[in-house]
Amino acid sequence: MKRWIGFVLHLAMIVVLTSFGSYTLMKKVDYKVPDSLKVETGLEQFAPLDSISSVGETGVVPPFLGKAYIGFKEALAFKESQGRYHVVNSLGYLGKYQFGGSTLNLMGIYDMDAFLDDPILQEKAFEANIARNKWILRKDIKRFNGKKIAGVEVTESGILAAAHLAGAGNVKKYLRSYGQEDVTDAYGSSISYYMKKFAGYDISNIEQKKNAKV
């Protein structure tokens, strides 16, 4: 009898444990994700496709920083030197924006080694040169802004980028000849190319200034 009772109790225990285990395995458990770990949708930000359409000679895509002054100067710097402050090219042009020594002299800079080692000075020189060219080209900006030359809309930023490339005097000739007197530098970049490439930036925060100095 004792053996029989022990057998029945043992069997009953097996049945109970088996049922409990099956229930645990079959039961669906819902886990609540903490709010701090939830990911919101719609967070992705993409630059416009036209901002990455121009790839540099090295295959590196230039940064797109918008259409205000900072976007203008960084886009131009990327074209000139890929944004590197310590570059001197084969013709002796210097720094992030590839200034010539004579242009730097006009803005009160004479020590070229110190210029190359001073990123803040290079940024100030670029801004001063924009202000200076704005004053020189003020009448032409007013006259030609919004017009088309050779199918390209003329804008203030395009004019000033071209002046950085070829000088304000050559840009005057280009505009007043309606594109007939174009100038190309030693590396194949022309006034018309810069006029198109750097069109449409808002650089109204830089005021024109006669004889701008750093």
N, C-alpha and C. Protein backbone atom coordinates (compact mmCIF):
# COMPACT_ATOMS: atom_id res chain seq x y z
N MET A 1 0.83 -1.20 0.00
CA MET A 1 0.00 0.00 0.00
C MET A 1 0.88 1.26 0.00
N LYS A 2 1.93 1.23 0.87
CA LYS A 2 2.81 2.39 0.95
C LYS A 2 3.51 2.63 -0.40
N ARG A 3 3.90 1.50 -1.05
CA ARG A 3 4.54 1.65 -2.36
C ARG A 3 3.57 2.27 -3.36
N TRP A 4 2.30 1.81 -3.29
CA TRP A 4 1.29 2.32 -4.22
C TRP A 4 1.03 3.79 -3.99
N ILE A 5 0.90 4.20 -2.75
CA ILE A 5 0.67 5.61 -2.43
C ILE A 5 1.85 6.46 -2.88
N GLY A 6 3.07 5.95 -2.64
CA GLY A 6 4.27 6.69 -3.06
C GLY A 6 4.34 6.85 -4.56
N PHE A 7 3.95 5.75 -5.28
CA PHE A 7 3.96 5.80 -6.75
C PHE A 7 2.98 6.84 -7.28
N VAL A 8 1.75 6.86 -6.65
CA VAL A 8 0.71 7.81 -7.08
C VAL A 8 1.15 9.23 -6.82
N LEU A 9 1.73 9.49 -5.65
CA LEU A 9 2.19 10.84 -5.33
C LEU A 9 3.31 11.28 -6.29
N HIS A 10 4.21 10.36 -6.57
CA HIS A 10 5.30 10.68 -7.48
C HIS A 10 4.78 11.01 -8.88
N LEU A 11 3.78 10.21 -9.32
CA LEU A 11 3.18 10.43 -10.63
C LEU A 11 2.45 11.77 -10.68
N ALA A 12 1.75 12.08 -9.60
CA ALA A 12 1.01 13.33 -9.54
C ALA A 12 1.95 14.53 -9.60
N MET A 13 3.08 14.42 -8.92
CA MET A 13 4.06 15.49 -8.91
C MET A 13 4.63 15.73 -10.30
N ILE A 14 4.90 14.64 -11.04
CA ILE A 14 5.41 14.76 -12.41
C ILE A 14 4.43 15.48 -13.30
N VAL A 15 3.13 15.09 -13.14
CA VAL A 15 2.08 15.72 -13.96
C VAL A 15 1.99 17.20 -13.68
N VAL A 16 2.04 17.58 -12.40
CA VAL A 16 1.94 19.00 -12.02
C VAL A 16 3.10 19.81 -12.57
N LEU A 17 4.32 19.28 -12.39
CA LEU A 17 5.50 19.98 -12.86
C LEU A 17 5.53 20.13 -14.36
N THR A 18 5.09 19.06 -15.05
CA THR A 18 5.04 19.11 -16.53
C THR A 18 4.06 20.15 -17.02
N SER A 19 2.92 20.20 -16.39
CA SER A 19 1.88 21.16 -16.79
C SER A 19 2.35 22.59 -16.56
N PHE A 20 2.99 22.80 -15.42
CA PHE A 20 3.47 24.14 -15.09
C PHE A 20 4.54 24.60 -16.08
N GLY A 21 5.43 23.69 -16.44
CA GLY A 21 6.48 24.01 -17.41
C GLY A 21 5.91 24.32 -18.77
N SER A 22 4.93 23.54 -19.21
CA SER A 22 4.32 23.77 -20.53
C SER A 22 3.61 25.10 -20.57
N TYR A 23 2.98 25.46 -19.46
CA TYR A 23 2.26 26.72 -19.39
C TYR A 23 3.22 27.90 -19.48
N THR A 24 4.37 27.73 -18.79
CA THR A 24 5.36 28.81 -18.82
C THR A 24 5.91 29.01 -20.22
N LEU A 25 6.15 27.89 -20.95
CA LEU A 25 6.69 27.98 -22.29
C LEU A 25 5.68 28.54 -23.27
N MET A 26 4.42 28.22 -23.08
CA MET A 26 3.38 28.62 -24.03
C MET A 26 2.86 30.02 -23.77
N LYS A 27 3.07 30.49 -22.54
CA LYS A 27 2.49 31.79 -22.19
C LYS A 27 3.19 32.91 -22.95
N LYS A 28 2.47 33.83 -23.56
CA LYS A 28 3.01 34.97 -24.28
C LYS A 28 3.31 36.08 -23.29
N VAL A 29 4.56 36.55 -23.32
CA VAL A 29 4.97 37.59 -22.38
C VAL A 29 5.18 38.89 -23.14
N ASP A 30 4.52 39.96 -22.69
CA ASP A 30 4.66 41.27 -23.32
C ASP A 30 5.66 42.10 -22.52
N TYR A 31 6.70 42.58 -23.25
CA TYR A 31 7.71 43.40 -22.60
C TYR A 31 7.46 44.86 -22.97
N LYS A 32 7.43 45.72 -21.99
CA LYS A 32 7.21 47.13 -22.23
C LYS A 32 8.55 47.83 -22.41
N VAL A 33 8.73 48.52 -23.56
CA VAL A 33 9.97 49.23 -23.84
C VAL A 33 9.95 50.58 -23.12
N PRO A 34 10.96 50.89 -22.33
CA PRO A 34 11.01 52.19 -21.65
C PRO A 34 11.01 53.33 -22.65
N ASP A 35 10.38 54.43 -22.27
CA ASP A 35 10.30 55.58 -23.16
C ASP A 35 11.68 56.08 -23.59
N SER A 36 12.66 55.97 -22.71
CA SER A 36 14.01 56.45 -23.02
C SER A 36 14.68 55.67 -24.14
N LEU A 37 14.19 54.43 -24.40
CA LEU A 37 14.79 53.60 -25.44
C LEU A 37 14.00 53.61 -26.73
N LYS A 38 12.83 54.23 -26.71
CA LYS A 38 12.02 54.27 -27.93
C LYS A 38 12.65 55.19 -28.96
N VAL A 39 12.54 54.83 -30.24
CA VAL A 39 13.09 55.62 -31.34
C VAL A 39 11.96 56.30 -32.06
N GLU A 40 12.04 57.62 -32.16
CA GLU A 40 11.02 58.37 -32.89
C GLU A 40 11.29 58.27 -34.39
N THR A 41 10.26 58.30 -35.17
CA THR A 41 10.42 58.26 -36.62
C THR A 41 10.58 59.66 -37.17
N GLY A 42 11.07 59.74 -38.39
CA GLY A 42 11.19 61.04 -39.05
C GLY A 42 12.36 61.87 -38.59
N LEU A 43 13.38 61.24 -38.02
CA LEU A 43 14.53 61.99 -37.52
C LEU A 43 15.61 62.17 -38.57
N GLU A 44 15.56 61.44 -39.66
CA GLU A 44 16.62 61.49 -40.65
C GLU A 44 16.62 62.83 -41.37
N GLN A 45 17.80 63.39 -41.58
CA GLN A 45 17.95 64.64 -42.31
C GLN A 45 18.90 64.40 -43.49
N PHE A 46 18.48 64.74 -44.67
CA PHE A 46 19.31 64.52 -45.86
C PHE A 46 19.56 65.85 -46.55
N ALA A 47 20.79 66.03 -47.03
CA ALA A 47 21.10 67.21 -47.82
C ALA A 47 20.43 67.08 -49.18
N PRO A 48 20.02 68.20 -49.77
CA PRO A 48 19.43 68.14 -51.12
C PRO A 48 20.39 67.49 -52.09
N LEU A 49 19.86 66.81 -53.07
CA LEU A 49 20.70 66.10 -54.04
C LEU A 49 21.62 67.04 -54.79
N ASP A 50 21.14 68.27 -55.04
CA ASP A 50 21.99 69.17 -55.81
C ASP A 50 23.19 69.65 -55.01
N SER A 51 23.15 69.42 -53.69
CA SER A 51 24.28 69.84 -52.86
C SER A 51 25.43 68.87 -52.93
N ILE A 52 25.20 67.66 -53.44
CA ILE A 52 26.28 66.68 -53.51
C ILE A 52 26.55 66.24 -54.94
N SER A 53 26.09 67.07 -55.87
CA SER A 53 26.25 66.69 -57.27
C SER A 53 27.66 66.98 -57.79
N SER A 54 28.38 67.86 -57.11
CA SER A 54 29.72 68.22 -57.57
C SER A 54 30.75 67.52 -56.72
N VAL A 55 31.51 66.63 -57.32
CA VAL A 55 32.53 65.88 -56.62
C VAL A 55 33.89 66.39 -57.02
N GLY A 56 34.76 66.58 -56.03
CA GLY A 56 36.08 67.13 -56.30
C GLY A 56 36.94 66.18 -57.10
N GLU A 57 38.13 66.67 -57.48
CA GLU A 57 39.03 65.89 -58.32
C GLU A 57 39.47 64.59 -57.64
N THR A 58 39.47 64.58 -56.30
CA THR A 58 39.90 63.40 -55.57
C THR A 58 38.76 62.42 -55.32
N GLY A 59 37.57 62.76 -55.77
CA GLY A 59 36.42 61.89 -55.52
C GLY A 59 35.76 62.16 -54.19
N VAL A 60 36.19 63.20 -53.46
CA VAL A 60 35.61 63.54 -52.17
C VAL A 60 34.45 64.51 -52.39
N VAL A 61 33.32 64.24 -51.75
CA VAL A 61 32.16 65.10 -51.89
C VAL A 61 32.31 66.31 -50.98
N PRO A 62 32.20 67.52 -51.51
CA PRO A 62 32.33 68.71 -50.67
C PRO A 62 31.18 68.81 -49.68
N PRO A 63 31.41 69.42 -48.53
CA PRO A 63 30.33 69.55 -47.55
C PRO A 63 29.29 70.55 -48.02
N PHE A 64 28.05 70.34 -47.60
CA PHE A 64 26.99 71.30 -47.91
C PHE A 64 26.57 71.94 -46.60
N LEU A 65 26.82 73.24 -46.45
CA LEU A 65 26.55 73.93 -45.19
C LEU A 65 25.51 75.02 -45.36
N GLY A 66 24.65 74.84 -46.34
CA GLY A 66 23.58 75.81 -46.54
C GLY A 66 23.97 76.88 -47.54
N LYS A 67 23.06 77.84 -47.73
CA LYS A 67 23.24 78.87 -48.76
C LYS A 67 23.51 80.25 -48.17
N ALA A 68 23.90 80.30 -46.90
CA ALA A 68 24.29 81.57 -46.30
C ALA A 68 25.81 81.74 -46.45
N TYR A 69 26.36 82.77 -45.77
CA TYR A 69 27.77 83.10 -45.94
C TYR A 69 28.70 81.94 -45.60
N ILE A 70 28.43 81.22 -44.51
CA ILE A 70 29.31 80.12 -44.14
C ILE A 70 29.32 79.03 -45.20
N GLY A 71 28.17 78.77 -45.81
CA GLY A 71 28.10 77.79 -46.89
C GLY A 71 28.90 78.26 -48.10
N PHE A 72 28.81 79.56 -48.39
CA PHE A 72 29.55 80.13 -49.51
C PHE A 72 31.05 80.00 -49.32
N LYS A 73 31.55 80.44 -48.17
CA LYS A 73 33.00 80.46 -47.97
C LYS A 73 33.59 79.06 -47.88
N GLU A 74 32.83 78.12 -47.29
CA GLU A 74 33.35 76.76 -47.18
C GLU A 74 33.30 76.02 -48.52
N ALA A 75 32.28 76.30 -49.32
CA ALA A 75 32.22 75.70 -50.65
C ALA A 75 33.36 76.22 -51.53
N LEU A 76 33.62 77.52 -51.44
CA LEU A 76 34.71 78.11 -52.22
C LEU A 76 36.07 77.58 -51.73
N ALA A 77 36.21 77.46 -50.41
CA ALA A 77 37.46 76.94 -49.84
C ALA A 77 37.71 75.50 -50.28
N PHE A 78 36.65 74.72 -50.36
CA PHE A 78 36.80 73.32 -50.79
C PHE A 78 37.30 73.26 -52.23
N LYS A 79 36.77 74.15 -53.07
CA LYS A 79 37.22 74.19 -54.47
C LYS A 79 38.68 74.63 -54.56
N GLU A 80 39.06 75.57 -53.71
CA GLU A 80 40.41 76.12 -53.78
C GLU A 80 41.46 75.17 -53.21
N SER A 81 41.17 74.57 -52.04
CA SER A 81 42.22 73.81 -51.34
C SER A 81 41.70 72.59 -50.59
N GLN A 82 40.42 72.25 -50.82
CA GLN A 82 39.74 71.23 -50.02
C GLN A 82 39.72 71.62 -48.55
N GLY A 83 39.72 72.94 -48.29
CA GLY A 83 39.57 73.46 -46.94
C GLY A 83 40.81 73.37 -46.07
N ARG A 84 41.98 73.22 -46.66
CA ARG A 84 43.22 73.05 -45.88
C ARG A 84 43.96 74.39 -45.74
N TYR A 85 44.31 74.71 -44.52
CA TYR A 85 44.93 76.01 -44.23
C TYR A 85 46.40 76.10 -44.64
N HIS A 86 47.12 75.00 -44.66
CA HIS A 86 48.57 75.05 -44.84
C HIS A 86 49.03 74.70 -46.27
N VAL A 87 48.13 74.83 -47.24
CA VAL A 87 48.44 74.46 -48.61
C VAL A 87 49.09 75.64 -49.36
N VAL A 88 50.12 75.31 -50.11
CA VAL A 88 50.70 76.26 -51.07
C VAL A 88 50.73 75.53 -52.41
N ASN A 89 50.08 76.10 -53.43
CA ASN A 89 50.02 75.37 -54.70
C ASN A 89 51.26 75.64 -55.55
N SER A 90 51.28 75.06 -56.72
CA SER A 90 52.47 75.12 -57.58
C SER A 90 52.76 76.53 -58.09
N LEU A 91 51.75 77.42 -58.01
CA LEU A 91 51.94 78.80 -58.46
C LEU A 91 52.21 79.76 -57.30
N GLY A 92 52.28 79.21 -56.09
CA GLY A 92 52.58 80.03 -54.93
C GLY A 92 51.39 80.63 -54.22
N TYR A 93 50.17 80.20 -54.57
CA TYR A 93 48.99 80.70 -53.88
C TYR A 93 48.84 79.98 -52.55
N LEU A 94 48.37 80.73 -51.56
CA LEU A 94 48.51 80.30 -50.17
C LEU A 94 47.20 80.04 -49.44
N GLY A 95 47.21 78.97 -48.64
CA GLY A 95 46.20 78.77 -47.62
C GLY A 95 44.87 78.21 -48.09
N LYS A 96 43.94 78.25 -47.19
CA LYS A 96 42.61 77.66 -47.39
C LYS A 96 41.91 78.26 -48.61
N TYR A 97 42.09 79.57 -48.82
CA TYR A 97 41.40 80.26 -49.91
C TYR A 97 42.33 80.60 -51.08
N GLN A 98 43.58 80.13 -51.01
CA GLN A 98 44.55 80.29 -52.09
C GLN A 98 44.71 81.75 -52.52
N PHE A 99 45.18 82.55 -51.57
CA PHE A 99 45.44 83.96 -51.84
C PHE A 99 46.81 84.14 -52.49
N GLY A 100 46.91 85.13 -53.37
CA GLY A 100 48.20 85.55 -53.89
C GLY A 100 48.82 86.57 -52.94
N GLY A 101 50.12 86.65 -52.95
CA GLY A 101 50.81 87.57 -52.05
C GLY A 101 50.42 89.03 -52.26
N SER A 102 50.22 89.43 -53.51
CA SER A 102 49.87 90.83 -53.79
C SER A 102 48.51 91.20 -53.23
N THR A 103 47.56 90.26 -53.29
CA THR A 103 46.23 90.51 -52.72
C THR A 103 46.32 90.62 -51.20
N LEU A 104 47.12 89.78 -50.58
CA LEU A 104 47.29 89.84 -49.13
C LEU A 104 47.94 91.17 -48.72
N ASN A 105 48.89 91.65 -49.52
CA ASN A 105 49.53 92.93 -49.22
C ASN A 105 48.50 94.07 -49.20
N LEU A 106 47.53 94.02 -50.11
CA LEU A 106 46.49 95.06 -50.16
C LEU A 106 45.68 95.10 -48.86
N MET A 107 45.60 93.97 -48.17
CA MET A 107 44.83 93.91 -46.92
C MET A 107 45.71 94.03 -45.69
N GLY A 108 46.99 94.37 -45.90
CA GLY A 108 47.88 94.61 -44.78
C GLY A 108 48.60 93.40 -44.25
N ILE A 109 48.69 92.33 -45.05
CA ILE A 109 49.38 91.11 -44.63
C ILE A 109 50.64 90.95 -45.46
N TYR A 110 51.79 90.85 -44.76
CA TYR A 110 53.07 90.78 -45.45
C TYR A 110 53.90 89.55 -45.08
N ASP A 111 53.61 88.95 -43.94
CA ASP A 111 54.36 87.77 -43.49
C ASP A 111 53.61 86.52 -43.95
N MET A 112 54.06 85.89 -45.02
CA MET A 112 53.35 84.76 -45.60
C MET A 112 53.43 83.51 -44.72
N ASP A 113 54.56 83.31 -44.05
CA ASP A 113 54.69 82.15 -43.16
C ASP A 113 53.72 82.26 -41.98
N ALA A 114 53.64 83.44 -41.42
CA ALA A 114 52.71 83.66 -40.30
C ALA A 114 51.27 83.49 -40.77
N PHE A 115 50.99 83.95 -42.00
CA PHE A 115 49.64 83.80 -42.56
C PHE A 115 49.25 82.33 -42.67
N LEU A 116 50.16 81.51 -43.18
CA LEU A 116 49.87 80.08 -43.34
C LEU A 116 49.62 79.39 -42.00
N ASP A 117 50.25 79.86 -40.95
CA ASP A 117 50.12 79.22 -39.64
C ASP A 117 48.99 79.79 -38.80
N ASP A 118 48.19 80.68 -39.37
CA ASP A 118 47.14 81.36 -38.59
C ASP A 118 45.77 81.23 -39.27
N PRO A 119 45.00 80.18 -38.93
CA PRO A 119 43.68 80.00 -39.54
C PRO A 119 42.73 81.18 -39.31
N ILE A 120 42.81 81.80 -38.13
CA ILE A 120 41.93 82.94 -37.84
C ILE A 120 42.25 84.10 -38.77
N LEU A 121 43.53 84.35 -39.01
CA LEU A 121 43.93 85.41 -39.92
C LEU A 121 43.46 85.12 -41.35
N GLN A 122 43.51 83.87 -41.75
CA GLN A 122 43.05 83.50 -43.09
C GLN A 122 41.56 83.76 -43.25
N GLU A 123 40.77 83.46 -42.22
CA GLU A 123 39.33 83.71 -42.28
C GLU A 123 39.05 85.22 -42.34
N LYS A 124 39.81 85.99 -41.57
CA LYS A 124 39.63 87.45 -41.59
C LYS A 124 40.01 88.02 -42.96
N ALA A 125 41.07 87.48 -43.54
CA ALA A 125 41.51 87.94 -44.86
C ALA A 125 40.44 87.66 -45.92
N PHE A 126 39.81 86.49 -45.84
CA PHE A 126 38.78 86.16 -46.82
C PHE A 126 37.61 87.13 -46.69
N GLU A 127 37.18 87.38 -45.47
CA GLU A 127 36.04 88.29 -45.26
C GLU A 127 36.38 89.71 -45.72
N ALA A 128 37.61 90.16 -45.42
CA ALA A 128 38.01 91.49 -45.85
C ALA A 128 38.05 91.59 -47.37
N ASN A 129 38.50 90.54 -48.03
CA ASN A 129 38.57 90.55 -49.49
C ASN A 129 37.18 90.57 -50.12
N ILE A 130 36.25 89.86 -49.51
CA ILE A 130 34.86 89.91 -49.99
C ILE A 130 34.31 91.32 -49.85
N ALA A 131 34.54 91.94 -48.69
CA ALA A 131 34.05 93.31 -48.47
C ALA A 131 34.69 94.28 -49.47
N ARG A 132 35.97 94.10 -49.73
CA ARG A 132 36.69 94.96 -50.68
C ARG A 132 36.15 94.79 -52.10
N ASN A 133 35.96 93.55 -52.53
CA ASN A 133 35.44 93.30 -53.88
C ASN A 133 33.98 93.74 -54.02
N LYS A 134 33.24 93.65 -52.93
CA LYS A 134 31.86 94.16 -52.97
C LYS A 134 31.84 95.65 -53.29
N TRP A 135 32.77 96.38 -52.68
CA TRP A 135 32.82 97.82 -52.93
C TRP A 135 33.26 98.10 -54.37
N ILE A 136 34.27 97.40 -54.84
CA ILE A 136 34.78 97.61 -56.20
C ILE A 136 33.71 97.29 -57.25
N LEU A 137 32.94 96.24 -56.99
CA LEU A 137 31.95 95.74 -57.96
C LEU A 137 30.52 96.16 -57.64
N ARG A 138 30.35 97.12 -56.75
CA ARG A 138 29.02 97.49 -56.27
C ARG A 138 28.07 97.88 -57.41
N LYS A 139 28.56 98.65 -58.38
CA LYS A 139 27.71 99.09 -59.49
C LYS A 139 27.35 97.91 -60.40
N ASP A 140 28.31 97.02 -60.61
CA ASP A 140 28.07 95.86 -61.48
C ASP A 140 27.12 94.86 -60.81
N ILE A 141 27.24 94.70 -59.50
CA ILE A 141 26.31 93.83 -58.77
C ILE A 141 24.89 94.35 -58.92
N LYS A 142 24.73 95.66 -58.76
CA LYS A 142 23.41 96.26 -58.88
C LYS A 142 22.86 96.14 -60.29
N ARG A 143 23.74 96.29 -61.27
CA ARG A 143 23.31 96.31 -62.68
C ARG A 143 22.99 94.92 -63.21
N PHE A 144 23.81 93.93 -62.85
CA PHE A 144 23.69 92.61 -63.49
C PHE A 144 23.01 91.54 -62.63
N ASN A 145 22.83 91.80 -61.35
CA ASN A 145 22.22 90.78 -60.49
C ASN A 145 20.83 90.38 -61.00
N GLY A 146 20.64 89.09 -61.23
CA GLY A 146 19.35 88.58 -61.73
C GLY A 146 19.29 88.41 -63.23
N LYS A 147 20.23 89.01 -63.96
CA LYS A 147 20.27 88.84 -65.40
C LYS A 147 20.97 87.53 -65.77
N LYS A 148 20.83 87.12 -67.01
CA LYS A 148 21.48 85.90 -67.48
C LYS A 148 22.56 86.22 -68.51
N ILE A 149 23.70 85.58 -68.33
CA ILE A 149 24.80 85.69 -69.29
C ILE A 149 25.21 84.27 -69.66
N ALA A 150 25.14 83.97 -70.96
CA ALA A 150 25.46 82.62 -71.46
C ALA A 150 24.62 81.56 -70.75
N GLY A 151 23.37 81.90 -70.50
CA GLY A 151 22.45 80.95 -69.89
C GLY A 151 22.58 80.79 -68.39
N VAL A 152 23.48 81.54 -67.76
CA VAL A 152 23.70 81.44 -66.32
C VAL A 152 23.19 82.71 -65.63
N GLU A 153 22.37 82.53 -64.61
CA GLU A 153 21.87 83.69 -63.87
C GLU A 153 23.00 84.30 -63.05
N VAL A 154 23.14 85.59 -63.17
CA VAL A 154 24.18 86.31 -62.43
C VAL A 154 23.66 86.63 -61.04
N THR A 155 24.46 86.29 -60.02
CA THR A 155 24.11 86.59 -58.63
C THR A 155 25.29 87.26 -57.96
N GLU A 156 25.02 87.91 -56.85
CA GLU A 156 26.09 88.58 -56.10
C GLU A 156 27.18 87.59 -55.69
N SER A 157 26.79 86.43 -55.18
CA SER A 157 27.78 85.46 -54.72
C SER A 157 28.60 84.91 -55.88
N GLY A 158 27.97 84.73 -57.04
CA GLY A 158 28.70 84.26 -58.21
C GLY A 158 29.73 85.29 -58.68
N ILE A 159 29.33 86.56 -58.65
CA ILE A 159 30.24 87.64 -59.04
C ILE A 159 31.45 87.68 -58.10
N LEU A 160 31.20 87.58 -56.79
CA LEU A 160 32.29 87.70 -55.82
C LEU A 160 33.19 86.47 -55.81
N ALA A 161 32.62 85.31 -56.08
CA ALA A 161 33.45 84.10 -56.21
C ALA A 161 34.37 84.23 -57.42
N ALA A 162 33.82 84.74 -58.52
CA ALA A 162 34.62 84.93 -59.73
C ALA A 162 35.71 85.98 -59.51
N ALA A 163 35.40 87.00 -58.71
CA ALA A 163 36.40 88.02 -58.39
C ALA A 163 37.52 87.42 -57.54
N HIS A 164 37.19 86.48 -56.69
CA HIS A 164 38.21 85.80 -55.89
C HIS A 164 39.14 85.00 -56.81
N LEU A 165 38.57 84.45 -57.85
CA LEU A 165 39.36 83.66 -58.81
C LEU A 165 40.23 84.53 -59.69
N ALA A 166 39.62 85.54 -60.31
CA ALA A 166 40.29 86.25 -61.41
C ALA A 166 40.53 87.73 -61.16
N GLY A 167 40.06 88.23 -60.02
CA GLY A 167 40.21 89.65 -59.75
C GLY A 167 38.98 90.44 -60.17
N ALA A 168 38.70 91.50 -59.43
CA ALA A 168 37.49 92.29 -59.70
C ALA A 168 37.51 92.93 -61.08
N GLY A 169 38.69 93.36 -61.54
CA GLY A 169 38.78 94.00 -62.85
C GLY A 169 38.39 93.08 -63.97
N ASN A 170 38.82 91.83 -63.92
CA ASN A 170 38.45 90.87 -64.96
C ASN A 170 36.97 90.52 -64.93
N VAL A 171 36.39 90.53 -63.73
CA VAL A 171 34.96 90.25 -63.63
C VAL A 171 34.15 91.39 -64.23
N LYS A 172 34.60 92.62 -64.04
CA LYS A 172 33.94 93.76 -64.67
C LYS A 172 33.93 93.59 -66.19
N LYS A 173 35.09 93.22 -66.74
CA LYS A 173 35.18 93.02 -68.19
C LYS A 173 34.24 91.92 -68.65
N TYR A 174 34.18 90.84 -67.88
CA TYR A 174 33.30 89.71 -68.24
C TYR A 174 31.84 90.15 -68.28
N LEU A 175 31.42 90.87 -67.25
CA LEU A 175 30.01 91.29 -67.17
C LEU A 175 29.67 92.30 -68.25
N ARG A 176 30.54 93.26 -68.43
CA ARG A 176 30.23 94.34 -69.36
C ARG A 176 30.36 93.93 -70.83
N SER A 177 31.04 92.79 -71.06
CA SER A 177 31.09 92.24 -72.42
C SER A 177 30.06 91.13 -72.60
N TYR A 178 29.23 90.95 -71.57
CA TYR A 178 28.21 89.90 -71.56
C TYR A 178 28.81 88.52 -71.87
N GLY A 179 29.93 88.26 -71.21
CA GLY A 179 30.53 86.93 -71.28
C GLY A 179 31.55 86.73 -72.38
N GLN A 180 31.77 87.75 -73.18
CA GLN A 180 32.71 87.60 -74.29
C GLN A 180 34.17 87.58 -73.80
N GLU A 181 34.44 88.34 -72.75
CA GLU A 181 35.81 88.41 -72.22
C GLU A 181 35.90 87.55 -70.96
N ASP A 182 36.00 86.26 -71.16
CA ASP A 182 36.12 85.31 -70.05
C ASP A 182 37.60 85.10 -69.75
N VAL A 183 37.91 84.73 -68.54
CA VAL A 183 39.29 84.47 -68.13
C VAL A 183 39.36 83.11 -67.47
N THR A 184 40.38 82.34 -67.83
CA THR A 184 40.59 81.01 -67.25
C THR A 184 41.94 80.97 -66.55
N ASP A 185 41.98 80.39 -65.34
CA ASP A 185 43.25 80.32 -64.62
C ASP A 185 44.10 79.15 -65.11
N ALA A 186 45.26 78.98 -64.51
CA ALA A 186 46.21 77.96 -64.95
C ALA A 186 45.71 76.54 -64.77
N TYR A 187 44.67 76.39 -63.93
CA TYR A 187 44.15 75.05 -63.66
C TYR A 187 42.84 74.78 -64.40
N GLY A 188 42.44 75.71 -65.26
CA GLY A 188 41.27 75.48 -66.10
C GLY A 188 39.96 76.03 -65.59
N SER A 189 39.96 76.72 -64.45
CA SER A 189 38.72 77.31 -63.92
C SER A 189 38.52 78.70 -64.52
N SER A 190 37.29 78.97 -64.94
CA SER A 190 37.00 80.25 -65.61
C SER A 190 36.03 81.09 -64.78
N ILE A 191 35.93 82.35 -65.17
CA ILE A 191 34.97 83.25 -64.52
C ILE A 191 33.56 82.70 -64.67
N SER A 192 33.21 82.26 -65.88
CA SER A 192 31.86 81.75 -66.11
C SER A 192 31.57 80.51 -65.27
N TYR A 193 32.58 79.67 -65.07
CA TYR A 193 32.42 78.47 -64.26
C TYR A 193 32.15 78.83 -62.80
N TYR A 194 32.93 79.76 -62.26
CA TYR A 194 32.73 80.19 -60.87
C TYR A 194 31.40 80.92 -60.72
N MET A 195 31.02 81.67 -61.74
CA MET A 195 29.76 82.41 -61.70
C MET A 195 28.58 81.45 -61.53
N LYS A 196 28.68 80.31 -62.19
CA LYS A 196 27.61 79.30 -62.11
C LYS A 196 27.72 78.46 -60.84
N LYS A 197 28.93 78.02 -60.54
CA LYS A 197 29.14 77.09 -59.42
C LYS A 197 28.77 77.71 -58.07
N PHE A 198 29.02 79.00 -57.91
CA PHE A 198 28.82 79.64 -56.61
C PHE A 198 27.66 80.64 -56.62
N ALA A 199 26.70 80.40 -57.50
CA ALA A 199 25.53 81.28 -57.58
C ALA A 199 24.55 81.00 -56.45
N GLY A 200 23.82 82.03 -56.08
CA GLY A 200 22.66 81.85 -55.21
C GLY A 200 22.91 81.80 -53.72
N TYR A 201 24.11 82.13 -53.27
CA TYR A 201 24.38 82.20 -51.83
C TYR A 201 24.00 83.60 -51.31
N ASP A 202 23.53 83.63 -50.08
CA ASP A 202 23.18 84.90 -49.46
C ASP A 202 24.36 85.39 -48.62
N ILE A 203 25.06 86.38 -49.12
CA ILE A 203 26.21 86.91 -48.38
C ILE A 203 25.98 88.39 -48.07
N SER A 204 24.72 88.73 -47.85
CA SER A 204 24.35 90.12 -47.57
C SER A 204 24.87 90.60 -46.22
N ASN A 205 25.27 89.68 -45.35
CA ASN A 205 25.77 90.09 -44.03
C ASN A 205 27.17 90.71 -44.10
N ILE A 206 27.87 90.51 -45.21
CA ILE A 206 29.19 91.14 -45.39
C ILE A 206 28.99 92.48 -46.10
N GLU A 207 29.33 93.55 -45.43
CA GLU A 207 29.13 94.88 -45.99
C GLU A 207 30.31 95.29 -46.87
N GLN A 208 29.99 96.01 -47.92
CA GLN A 208 31.04 96.51 -48.81
C GLN A 208 31.92 97.51 -48.05
N LYS A 209 33.21 97.48 -48.35
CA LYS A 209 34.13 98.37 -47.64
C LYS A 209 35.31 98.70 -48.53
N LYS A 210 35.52 99.98 -48.74
CA LYS A 210 36.65 100.45 -49.54
C LYS A 210 37.95 100.24 -48.77
N ASN A 211 38.95 99.68 -49.44
CA ASN A 211 40.26 99.46 -48.84
C ASN A 211 40.17 98.66 -47.53
N ALA A 212 39.40 97.58 -47.55
CA ALA A 212 39.25 96.74 -46.35
C ALA A 212 40.58 96.16 -45.93
N LYS A 213 40.88 96.23 -44.63
CA LYS A 213 42.11 95.69 -44.08
C LYS A 213 41.78 94.66 -43.00
N VAL A 214 42.77 93.81 -42.73
CA VAL A 214 42.60 92.83 -41.66
C VAL A 214 43.02 93.47 -40.35
